[in-house]
Amino acid sequence: MIRREITYRQLFYYILAVYFLVWMILALIIICNSFHVLRYDRISGKAVLFSSFLVPSFVLYIFMKRRQEIDTPMEFLYCMAGEKGHARTALVTFAFCMGQLLLFVLCGRYVNGRIGAFLPVLPLALILEGLQETGLRGFLAEALNRELSFGLSAVLTGTIWGVLYLPLFMVEGAPYREIGFLFFLLNCVFQSIVLNALYLITKSIAACVAFRTFWSAASFLFGGLMFTNSSYTICSTVEMILIFSLVLYEQRRQKKDAEAGTMSGM
């Protein structure tokens, strides 16, 4: 998605701007709660949650606009499609979405939510997860991948992603209050490894958006809007299986590419 090289200073400013906006929203909510402007804790919790979704893409849009890489919001959204010519993008994404849903069912003993609640969650998840992935995978992870190894880039992206949600553990009524922050941070790192690998395979941010949209809608069946340790244990188990399958897939693909190169050399 990045069309020109960026410096470490620009990358630092991007991360700093994202954190500043999210924490500023948290401070405003705390002030409003102290003056009883917001009477419901769940409203303030959802406000911080939505800001953590929206801020990364908002800052990225301003960043690309100032660098004159885009002119309109539609051009910004078009950048999510990724490179052309990757015919396997849709197939790989569909296979991973179906695989994660199957793993959710196999790892979970019961479903807390109703199956009928799965489809209504998809549009909201598509918007929120899509905007966040644009900033995380489309800019942050891609910039780190150019300078660091895959593993270090994925872990660093996951850590930055997890710390971005830290304000949610400070507001009453937020969806993540029932789980520990370290457990949540570990889950973000696992999921970042899966998403970084999927992006390297498909060369498409849209594939990562589709994957996360399906992931959120599927996890809603097990945890509802208020996440618990049991639901996140299921998520972590699924992520570890997906990481293992990604490693096997990539090794097999590299072996086929090497064999094809040997045959063409003959």
C-alpha atoms as a PDB file:
ATOM      1  CA  MET A   1       0.000   0.000   0.000  1.00  0.00           C
ATOM      2  CA  ILE A   2       2.915   2.364   0.677  1.00  0.00           C
ATOM      3  CA  ARG A   3       4.033   3.831  -2.622  1.00  0.00           C
ATOM      4  CA  ARG A   4       7.175   5.586  -1.417  1.00  0.00           C
ATOM      5  CA  GLU A   5       9.834   4.872   1.159  1.00  0.00           C
ATOM      6  CA  ILE A   6       9.280   6.195   4.664  1.00  0.00           C
ATOM      7  CA  THR A   7      11.776   7.110   7.354  1.00  0.00           C
ATOM      8  CA  TYR A   8      11.919   5.893  10.928  1.00  0.00           C
ATOM      9  CA  ARG A   9      10.949   9.394  12.034  1.00  0.00           C
ATOM     10  CA  GLN A  10       7.772   9.282   9.922  1.00  0.00           C
ATOM     11  CA  LEU A  11       6.943   5.841  11.290  1.00  0.00           C
ATOM     12  CA  PHE A  12       7.507   7.080  14.850  1.00  0.00           C
ATOM     13  CA  TYR A  13       5.282  10.109  14.250  1.00  0.00           C
ATOM     14  CA  TYR A  14       2.528   7.858  12.899  1.00  0.00           C
ATOM     15  CA  ILE A  15       2.583   5.600  15.981  1.00  0.00           C
ATOM     16  CA  LEU A  16       2.785   8.638  18.269  1.00  0.00           C
ATOM     17  CA  ALA A  17      -0.204  10.302  16.570  1.00  0.00           C
ATOM     18  CA  VAL A  18      -2.320   7.145  16.852  1.00  0.00           C
ATOM     19  CA  TYR A  19      -1.573   6.722  20.551  1.00  0.00           C
ATOM     20  CA  PHE A  20      -2.070  10.427  21.246  1.00  0.00           C
ATOM     21  CA  LEU A  21      -5.549  10.501  19.688  1.00  0.00           C
ATOM     22  CA  VAL A  22      -6.725   7.328  21.441  1.00  0.00           C
ATOM     23  CA  TRP A  23      -5.432   8.471  24.832  1.00  0.00           C
ATOM     24  CA  MET A  24      -6.891  11.938  24.290  1.00  0.00           C
ATOM     25  CA  ILE A  25     -10.305  10.363  23.702  1.00  0.00           C
ATOM     26  CA  LEU A  26      -9.803   8.324  26.892  1.00  0.00           C
ATOM     27  CA  ALA A  27      -8.979  11.495  28.844  1.00  0.00           C
ATOM     28  CA  LEU A  28     -12.090  13.244  27.518  1.00  0.00           C
ATOM     29  CA  ILE A  29     -14.250  10.271  28.518  1.00  0.00           C
ATOM     30  CA  ILE A  30     -12.758  10.213  32.030  1.00  0.00           C
ATOM     31  CA  ILE A  31     -13.461  13.944  32.367  1.00  0.00           C
ATOM     32  CA  CYS A  32     -17.026  13.472  31.111  1.00  0.00           C
ATOM     33  CA  ASN A  33     -17.563  10.610  33.566  1.00  0.00           C
ATOM     34  CA  SER A  34     -16.266  12.703  36.451  1.00  0.00           C
ATOM     35  CA  PHE A  35     -18.855  15.379  35.649  1.00  0.00           C
ATOM     36  CA  HIS A  36     -21.534  12.723  35.020  1.00  0.00           C
ATOM     37  CA  VAL A  37     -21.928  13.748  31.376  1.00  0.00           C
ATOM     38  CA  LEU A  38     -21.859  10.093  30.310  1.00  0.00           C
ATOM     39  CA  ARG A  39     -24.163   8.166  32.611  1.00  0.00           C
ATOM     40  CA  TYR A  40     -23.623   4.734  31.156  1.00  0.00           C
ATOM     41  CA  ASP A  41     -20.279   2.963  31.509  1.00  0.00           C
ATOM     42  CA  ARG A  42     -20.874   0.795  28.444  1.00  0.00           C
ATOM     43  CA  ILE A  43     -21.248   3.887  26.242  1.00  0.00           C
ATOM     44  CA  SER A  44     -17.860   5.220  27.348  1.00  0.00           C
ATOM     45  CA  GLY A  45     -16.311   1.770  26.918  1.00  0.00           C
ATOM     46  CA  LYS A  46     -17.639   1.441  23.369  1.00  0.00           C
ATOM     47  CA  ALA A  47     -16.405   4.967  22.554  1.00  0.00           C
ATOM     48  CA  VAL A  48     -12.822   4.014  23.449  1.00  0.00           C
ATOM     49  CA  LEU A  49     -13.191   0.724  21.549  1.00  0.00           C
ATOM     50  CA  PHE A  50     -14.406   2.437  18.377  1.00  0.00           C
ATOM     51  CA  SER A  51     -11.634   5.034  18.593  1.00  0.00           C
ATOM     52  CA  SER A  52      -9.008   2.266  18.658  1.00  0.00           C
ATOM     53  CA  PHE A  53     -10.555   0.938  15.441  1.00  0.00           C
ATOM     54  CA  LEU A  54     -10.944   4.251  13.604  1.00  0.00           C
ATOM     55  CA  VAL A  55      -7.848   6.224  14.605  1.00  0.00           C
ATOM     56  CA  PRO A  56      -5.162   4.128  12.756  1.00  0.00           C
ATOM     57  CA  SER A  57      -6.820   4.578   9.352  1.00  0.00           C
ATOM     58  CA  PHE A  58      -7.676   8.236  10.044  1.00  0.00           C
ATOM     59  CA  VAL A  59      -4.033   9.063  10.822  1.00  0.00           C
ATOM     60  CA  LEU A  60      -2.857   7.054   7.803  1.00  0.00           C
ATOM     61  CA  TYR A  61      -5.233   8.963   5.506  1.00  0.00           C
ATOM     62  CA  ILE A  62      -3.817  12.295   6.710  1.00  0.00           C
ATOM     63  CA  PHE A  63      -0.273  10.937   6.373  1.00  0.00           C
ATOM     64  CA  MET A  64      -0.776   9.781   2.767  1.00  0.00           C
ATOM     65  CA  LYS A  65      -2.636  12.981   1.921  1.00  0.00           C
ATOM     66  CA  ARG A  66       0.287  15.104   3.089  1.00  0.00           C
ATOM     67  CA  ARG A  67       2.702  12.957   1.097  1.00  0.00           C
ATOM     68  CA  GLN A  68       0.473  13.519  -1.968  1.00  0.00           C
ATOM     69  CA  GLU A  69       0.061   9.783  -2.514  1.00  0.00           C
ATOM     70  CA  ILE A  70      -3.731  10.031  -2.652  1.00  0.00           C
ATOM     71  CA  ASP A  71      -6.240  12.720  -3.622  1.00  0.00           C
ATOM     72  CA  THR A  72      -9.627  11.387  -2.519  1.00  0.00           C
ATOM     73  CA  PRO A  73     -10.978   9.027   0.172  1.00  0.00           C
ATOM     74  CA  MET A  74     -12.020   6.600  -2.586  1.00  0.00           C
ATOM     75  CA  GLU A  75      -8.431   6.386  -3.782  1.00  0.00           C
ATOM     76  CA  PHE A  76      -7.404   5.668  -0.209  1.00  0.00           C
ATOM     77  CA  LEU A  77      -9.874   2.764  -0.030  1.00  0.00           C
ATOM     78  CA  TYR A  78      -8.746   1.529  -3.449  1.00  0.00           C
ATOM     79  CA  CYS A  79      -5.224   1.078  -2.080  1.00  0.00           C
ATOM     80  CA  MET A  80      -6.580  -1.701   0.139  1.00  0.00           C
ATOM     81  CA  ALA A  81      -7.083  -3.975  -2.873  1.00  0.00           C
ATOM     82  CA  GLY A  82      -3.365  -4.701  -3.036  1.00  0.00           C
ATOM     83  CA  GLU A  83      -1.337  -5.690  -6.058  1.00  0.00           C
ATOM     84  CA  LYS A  84      -2.979  -6.930  -9.223  1.00  0.00           C
ATOM     85  CA  GLY A  85      -2.351 -10.351 -10.645  1.00  0.00           C
ATOM     86  CA  HIS A  86      -2.676 -12.377  -7.441  1.00  0.00           C
ATOM     87  CA  ALA A  87      -5.386 -14.789  -8.513  1.00  0.00           C
ATOM     88  CA  ARG A  88      -4.993 -16.929  -5.410  1.00  0.00           C
ATOM     89  CA  THR A  89      -5.925 -14.067  -3.058  1.00  0.00           C
ATOM     90  CA  ALA A  90      -9.655 -14.827  -3.019  1.00  0.00           C
ATOM     91  CA  LEU A  91      -9.090 -18.594  -2.770  1.00  0.00           C
ATOM     92  CA  VAL A  92      -6.596 -18.363   0.083  1.00  0.00           C
ATOM     93  CA  THR A  93      -8.754 -15.867   1.971  1.00  0.00           C
ATOM     94  CA  PHE A  94     -11.871 -17.998   1.577  1.00  0.00           C
ATOM     95  CA  ALA A  95     -10.000 -21.113   2.707  1.00  0.00           C
ATOM     96  CA  PHE A  96      -8.655 -19.363   5.797  1.00  0.00           C
ATOM     97  CA  CYS A  97     -12.062 -17.904   6.703  1.00  0.00           C
ATOM     98  CA  MET A  98     -13.718 -21.305   6.414  1.00  0.00           C
ATOM     99  CA  GLY A  99     -10.857 -22.900   8.308  1.00  0.00           C
ATOM    100  CA  GLN A 100     -11.040 -20.498  11.226  1.00  0.00           C
ATOM    101  CA  LEU A 101     -14.811 -20.933  11.525  1.00  0.00           C
ATOM    102  CA  LEU A 102     -14.360 -24.715  11.582  1.00  0.00           C
ATOM    103  CA  LEU A 103     -11.635 -24.402  14.210  1.00  0.00           C
ATOM    104  CA  PHE A 104     -13.864 -22.178  16.326  1.00  0.00           C
ATOM    105  CA  VAL A 105     -16.564 -24.832  16.257  1.00  0.00           C
ATOM    106  CA  LEU A 106     -14.120 -27.645  17.042  1.00  0.00           C
ATOM    107  CA  CYS A 107     -12.359 -25.757  19.862  1.00  0.00           C
ATOM    108  CA  GLY A 108     -15.525 -24.407  21.475  1.00  0.00           C
ATOM    109  CA  ARG A 109     -17.727 -26.699  23.535  1.00  0.00           C
ATOM    110  CA  TYR A 110     -20.760 -24.496  23.182  1.00  0.00           C
ATOM    111  CA  VAL A 111     -21.899 -21.303  21.479  1.00  0.00           C
ATOM    112  CA  ASN A 112     -22.846 -18.405  23.756  1.00  0.00           C
ATOM    113  CA  GLY A 113     -24.469 -16.350  21.051  1.00  0.00           C
ATOM    114  CA  ARG A 114     -27.028 -17.336  18.461  1.00  0.00           C
ATOM    115  CA  ILE A 115     -26.065 -18.380  14.948  1.00  0.00           C
ATOM    116  CA  GLY A 116     -28.522 -15.778  13.671  1.00  0.00           C
ATOM    117  CA  ALA A 117     -26.380 -13.054  15.263  1.00  0.00           C
ATOM    118  CA  PHE A 118     -23.448 -13.939  12.997  1.00  0.00           C
ATOM    119  CA  LEU A 119     -24.669 -12.139   9.848  1.00  0.00           C
ATOM    120  CA  PRO A 120     -25.744  -8.843  11.499  1.00  0.00           C
ATOM    121  CA  VAL A 121     -22.265  -8.496  13.017  1.00  0.00           C
ATOM    122  CA  LEU A 122     -20.516  -8.786   9.632  1.00  0.00           C
ATOM    123  CA  PRO A 123     -21.232  -5.240   8.303  1.00  0.00           C
ATOM    124  CA  LEU A 124     -20.084  -3.541  11.520  1.00  0.00           C
ATOM    125  CA  ALA A 125     -17.014  -5.774  11.741  1.00  0.00           C
ATOM    126  CA  LEU A 126     -16.193  -5.066   8.081  1.00  0.00           C
ATOM    127  CA  ILE A 127     -16.150  -1.306   8.663  1.00  0.00           C
ATOM    128  CA  LEU A 128     -14.291  -1.285  11.992  1.00  0.00           C
ATOM    129  CA  GLU A 129     -11.830  -4.099  11.294  1.00  0.00           C
ATOM    130  CA  GLY A 130     -11.271  -2.813   7.755  1.00  0.00           C
ATOM    131  CA  LEU A 131     -10.337   0.667   8.886  1.00  0.00           C
ATOM    132  CA  GLN A 132      -8.008  -0.635  11.574  1.00  0.00           C
ATOM    133  CA  GLU A 133      -6.325  -3.121   9.222  1.00  0.00           C
ATOM    134  CA  THR A 134      -5.681  -0.333   6.724  1.00  0.00           C
ATOM    135  CA  GLY A 135      -3.507   1.407   9.290  1.00  0.00           C
ATOM    136  CA  LEU A 136      -1.955  -1.665  10.899  1.00  0.00           C
ATOM    137  CA  ARG A 137      -1.275  -3.974   7.968  1.00  0.00           C
ATOM    138  CA  GLY A 138      -1.374  -1.413   5.164  1.00  0.00           C
ATOM    139  CA  PHE A 139       1.146   0.927   6.708  1.00  0.00           C
ATOM    140  CA  LEU A 140       2.710  -0.124   9.997  1.00  0.00           C
ATOM    141  CA  ALA A 141       3.390  -3.803   9.236  1.00  0.00           C
ATOM    142  CA  GLU A 142       4.427  -3.106   5.640  1.00  0.00           C
ATOM    143  CA  ALA A 143       6.899  -0.446   6.743  1.00  0.00           C
ATOM    144  CA  LEU A 144       8.368  -2.753   9.394  1.00  0.00           C
ATOM    145  CA  ASN A 145       8.570  -5.666   6.935  1.00  0.00           C
ATOM    146  CA  ARG A 146      10.883  -3.610   4.746  1.00  0.00           C
ATOM    147  CA  GLU A 147      13.377  -3.121   7.568  1.00  0.00           C
ATOM    148  CA  LEU A 148      12.937  -6.124   9.888  1.00  0.00           C
ATOM    149  CA  SER A 149      12.496  -9.881   9.648  1.00  0.00           C
ATOM    150  CA  PHE A 150       9.011 -11.360   9.347  1.00  0.00           C
ATOM    151  CA  GLY A 151       8.902 -12.646  12.927  1.00  0.00           C
ATOM    152  CA  LEU A 152      10.192  -9.461  14.545  1.00  0.00           C
ATOM    153  CA  SER A 153       7.903  -7.309  12.402  1.00  0.00           C
ATOM    154  CA  ALA A 154       4.839  -9.400  13.287  1.00  0.00           C
ATOM    155  CA  VAL A 155       5.624  -9.394  17.022  1.00  0.00           C
ATOM    156  CA  LEU A 156       6.312  -5.649  17.064  1.00  0.00           C
ATOM    157  CA  THR A 157       3.118  -4.894  15.111  1.00  0.00           C
ATOM    158  CA  GLY A 158       1.107  -7.112  17.460  1.00  0.00           C
ATOM    159  CA  THR A 159       2.610  -5.420  20.520  1.00  0.00           C
ATOM    160  CA  ILE A 160       1.826  -1.924  19.215  1.00  0.00           C
ATOM    161  CA  TRP A 161      -1.655  -3.133  18.310  1.00  0.00           C
ATOM    162  CA  GLY A 162      -2.247  -4.599  21.777  1.00  0.00           C
ATOM    163  CA  VAL A 163      -0.979  -1.541  23.670  1.00  0.00           C
ATOM    164  CA  LEU A 164      -3.361   0.568  21.567  1.00  0.00           C
ATOM    165  CA  TYR A 165      -6.212  -1.163  23.423  1.00  0.00           C
ATOM    166  CA  LEU A 166      -4.733  -0.446  26.865  1.00  0.00           C
ATOM    167  CA  PRO A 167      -7.250   2.381  27.570  1.00  0.00           C
ATOM    168  CA  LEU A 168     -10.049  -0.193  27.279  1.00  0.00           C
ATOM    169  CA  PHE A 169      -8.798  -1.801  30.488  1.00  0.00           C
ATOM    170  CA  MET A 170      -9.138   1.514  32.319  1.00  0.00           C
ATOM    171  CA  VAL A 171     -12.778   2.267  31.527  1.00  0.00           C
ATOM    172  CA  GLU A 172     -15.683   0.597  33.270  1.00  0.00           C
ATOM    173  CA  GLY A 173     -18.036  -1.157  30.865  1.00  0.00           C
ATOM    174  CA  ALA A 174     -15.423  -1.816  28.171  1.00  0.00           C
ATOM    175  CA  PRO A 175     -15.688  -5.233  26.451  1.00  0.00           C
ATOM    176  CA  TYR A 176     -12.214  -6.404  27.555  1.00  0.00           C
ATOM    177  CA  ARG A 177     -12.467  -5.750  31.289  1.00  0.00           C
ATOM    178  CA  GLU A 178     -13.001  -9.419  32.162  1.00  0.00           C
ATOM    179  CA  ILE A 179      -9.691 -10.623  30.727  1.00  0.00           C
ATOM    180  CA  GLY A 180      -6.124  -9.782  31.680  1.00  0.00           C
ATOM    181  CA  PHE A 181      -4.142  -7.341  29.564  1.00  0.00           C
ATOM    182  CA  LEU A 182      -1.157  -9.683  29.140  1.00  0.00           C
ATOM    183  CA  PHE A 183      -3.470 -12.427  27.878  1.00  0.00           C
ATOM    184  CA  PHE A 184      -5.019  -9.965  25.449  1.00  0.00           C
ATOM    185  CA  LEU A 185      -1.586  -8.711  24.320  1.00  0.00           C
ATOM    186  CA  LEU A 186      -0.435 -12.271  23.636  1.00  0.00           C
ATOM    187  CA  ASN A 187      -3.562 -12.848  21.568  1.00  0.00           C
ATOM    188  CA  CYS A 188      -2.812  -9.719  19.517  1.00  0.00           C
ATOM    189  CA  VAL A 189       0.717 -10.959  18.809  1.00  0.00           C
ATOM    190  CA  PHE A 190      -0.585 -14.367  17.687  1.00  0.00           C
ATOM    191  CA  GLN A 191      -3.186 -12.799  15.434  1.00  0.00           C
ATOM    192  CA  SER A 192      -0.616 -10.364  14.031  1.00  0.00           C
ATOM    193  CA  ILE A 193       1.592 -13.281  12.957  1.00  0.00           C
ATOM    194  CA  VAL A 194      -1.347 -14.864  11.126  1.00  0.00           C
ATOM    195  CA  LEU A 195      -2.343 -11.600   9.428  1.00  0.00           C
ATOM    196  CA  ASN A 196       1.226 -10.698   8.435  1.00  0.00           C
ATOM    197  CA  ALA A 197       1.672 -14.122   6.869  1.00  0.00           C
ATOM    198  CA  LEU A 198      -1.657 -13.832   5.060  1.00  0.00           C
ATOM    199  CA  TYR A 199      -0.625 -10.432   3.710  1.00  0.00           C
ATOM    200  CA  LEU A 200       2.703 -11.778   2.456  1.00  0.00           C
ATOM    201  CA  ILE A 201       0.923 -14.662   0.713  1.00  0.00           C
ATOM    202  CA  THR A 202      -1.912 -12.698  -0.879  1.00  0.00           C
ATOM    203  CA  LYS A 203      -0.283  -9.242  -1.228  1.00  0.00           C
ATOM    204  CA  SER A 204      -3.690  -7.793  -0.392  1.00  0.00           C
ATOM    205  CA  ILE A 205      -4.916  -5.787   2.580  1.00  0.00           C
ATOM    206  CA  ALA A 206      -8.460  -6.658   1.529  1.00  0.00           C
ATOM    207  CA  ALA A 207      -7.677 -10.301   2.312  1.00  0.00           C
ATOM    208  CA  CYS A 208      -6.622  -9.345   5.848  1.00  0.00           C
ATOM    209  CA  VAL A 209      -9.761  -7.233   6.221  1.00  0.00           C
ATOM    210  CA  ALA A 210     -11.961 -10.157   5.135  1.00  0.00           C
ATOM    211  CA  PHE A 211     -10.132 -12.496   7.499  1.00  0.00           C
ATOM    212  CA  ARG A 212     -10.500 -10.194  10.510  1.00  0.00           C
ATOM    213  CA  THR A 213     -14.140  -9.450   9.666  1.00  0.00           C
ATOM    214  CA  PHE A 214     -14.952 -13.145   9.611  1.00  0.00           C
ATOM    215  CA  TRP A 215     -12.869 -13.676  12.749  1.00  0.00           C
ATOM    216  CA  SER A 216     -14.739 -11.022  14.742  1.00  0.00           C
ATOM    217  CA  ALA A 217     -18.143 -12.262  13.606  1.00  0.00           C
ATOM    218  CA  ALA A 218     -17.228 -15.861  14.447  1.00  0.00           C
ATOM    219  CA  SER A 219     -15.750 -14.996  17.852  1.00  0.00           C
ATOM    220  CA  PHE A 220     -18.942 -13.059  18.645  1.00  0.00           C
ATOM    221  CA  LEU A 221     -20.767 -16.400  18.689  1.00  0.00           C
ATOM    222  CA  PHE A 222     -18.561 -17.606  21.544  1.00  0.00           C
ATOM    223  CA  GLY A 223     -17.907 -14.463  23.565  1.00  0.00           C
ATOM    224  CA  GLY A 224     -20.680 -12.073  22.674  1.00  0.00           C
ATOM    225  CA  LEU A 225     -19.892  -8.381  23.066  1.00  0.00           C
ATOM    226  CA  MET A 226     -18.238  -8.944  26.454  1.00  0.00           C
ATOM    227  CA  PHE A 227     -15.123 -11.052  25.957  1.00  0.00           C
ATOM    228  CA  THR A 228     -14.121 -13.624  28.569  1.00  0.00           C
ATOM    229  CA  ASN A 229     -11.075 -15.736  29.335  1.00  0.00           C
ATOM    230  CA  SER A 230     -12.773 -18.808  27.871  1.00  0.00           C
ATOM    231  CA  SER A 231     -13.555 -17.094  24.570  1.00  0.00           C
ATOM    232  CA  TYR A 232     -10.002 -15.760  24.303  1.00  0.00           C
ATOM    233  CA  THR A 233      -8.580 -19.195  25.114  1.00  0.00           C
ATOM    234  CA  ILE A 234     -10.511 -20.514  22.124  1.00  0.00           C
ATOM    235  CA  CYS A 235      -9.201 -17.642  19.978  1.00  0.00           C
ATOM    236  CA  SER A 236      -5.588 -18.281  21.024  1.00  0.00           C
ATOM    237  CA  THR A 237      -5.908 -21.997  20.284  1.00  0.00           C
ATOM    238  CA  VAL A 238      -7.283 -21.250  16.827  1.00  0.00           C
ATOM    239  CA  GLU A 239      -4.484 -18.773  16.155  1.00  0.00           C
ATOM    240  CA  MET A 240      -1.761 -21.254  17.105  1.00  0.00           C
ATOM    241  CA  ILE A 241      -3.248 -23.826  14.722  1.00  0.00           C
ATOM    242  CA  LEU A 242      -3.433 -21.216  11.959  1.00  0.00           C
ATOM    243  CA  ILE A 243       0.186 -20.176  12.536  1.00  0.00           C
ATOM    244  CA  PHE A 244       1.292 -23.799  12.251  1.00  0.00           C
ATOM    245  CA  SER A 245      -0.727 -24.273   9.053  1.00  0.00           C
ATOM    246  CA  LEU A 246       0.729 -21.067   7.587  1.00  0.00           C
ATOM    247  CA  VAL A 247       4.279 -22.273   8.221  1.00  0.00           C
ATOM    248  CA  LEU A 248       3.536 -25.579   6.482  1.00  0.00           C
ATOM    249  CA  TYR A 249       1.864 -23.776   3.571  1.00  0.00           C
ATOM    250  CA  GLU A 250       4.781 -21.395   3.082  1.00  0.00           C
ATOM    251  CA  GLN A 251       7.365 -24.198   3.250  1.00  0.00           C
ATOM    252  CA  ARG A 252       5.435 -26.167   0.641  1.00  0.00           C
ATOM    253  CA  ARG A 253       5.119 -23.120  -1.611  1.00  0.00           C
ATOM    254  CA  GLN A 254       8.843 -22.351  -1.385  1.00  0.00           C
ATOM    255  CA  LYS A 255       9.644 -25.974  -2.216  1.00  0.00           C
ATOM    256  CA  LYS A 256       7.424 -25.843  -5.307  1.00  0.00           C
ATOM    257  CA  ASP A 257       9.000 -22.551  -6.407  1.00  0.00           C
ATOM    258  CA  ALA A 258      12.469 -24.046  -5.993  1.00  0.00           C
ATOM    259  CA  GLU A 259      11.512 -27.119  -8.025  1.00  0.00           C
ATOM    260  CA  ALA A 260       9.986 -24.927 -10.728  1.00  0.00           C
ATOM    261  CA  GLY A 261      13.168 -22.846 -10.867  1.00  0.00           C
ATOM    262  CA  THR A 262      15.278 -25.994 -11.189  1.00  0.00           C
ATOM    263  CA  MET A 263      13.113 -27.301 -14.033  1.00  0.00           C
ATOM    264  CA  SER A 264      13.235 -23.977 -15.896  1.00  0.00           C
ATOM    265  CA  GLY A 265      17.028 -23.904 -15.515  1.00  0.00           C
ATOM    266  CA  MET A 266      17.258 -27.221 -17.336  1.00  0.00           C
END
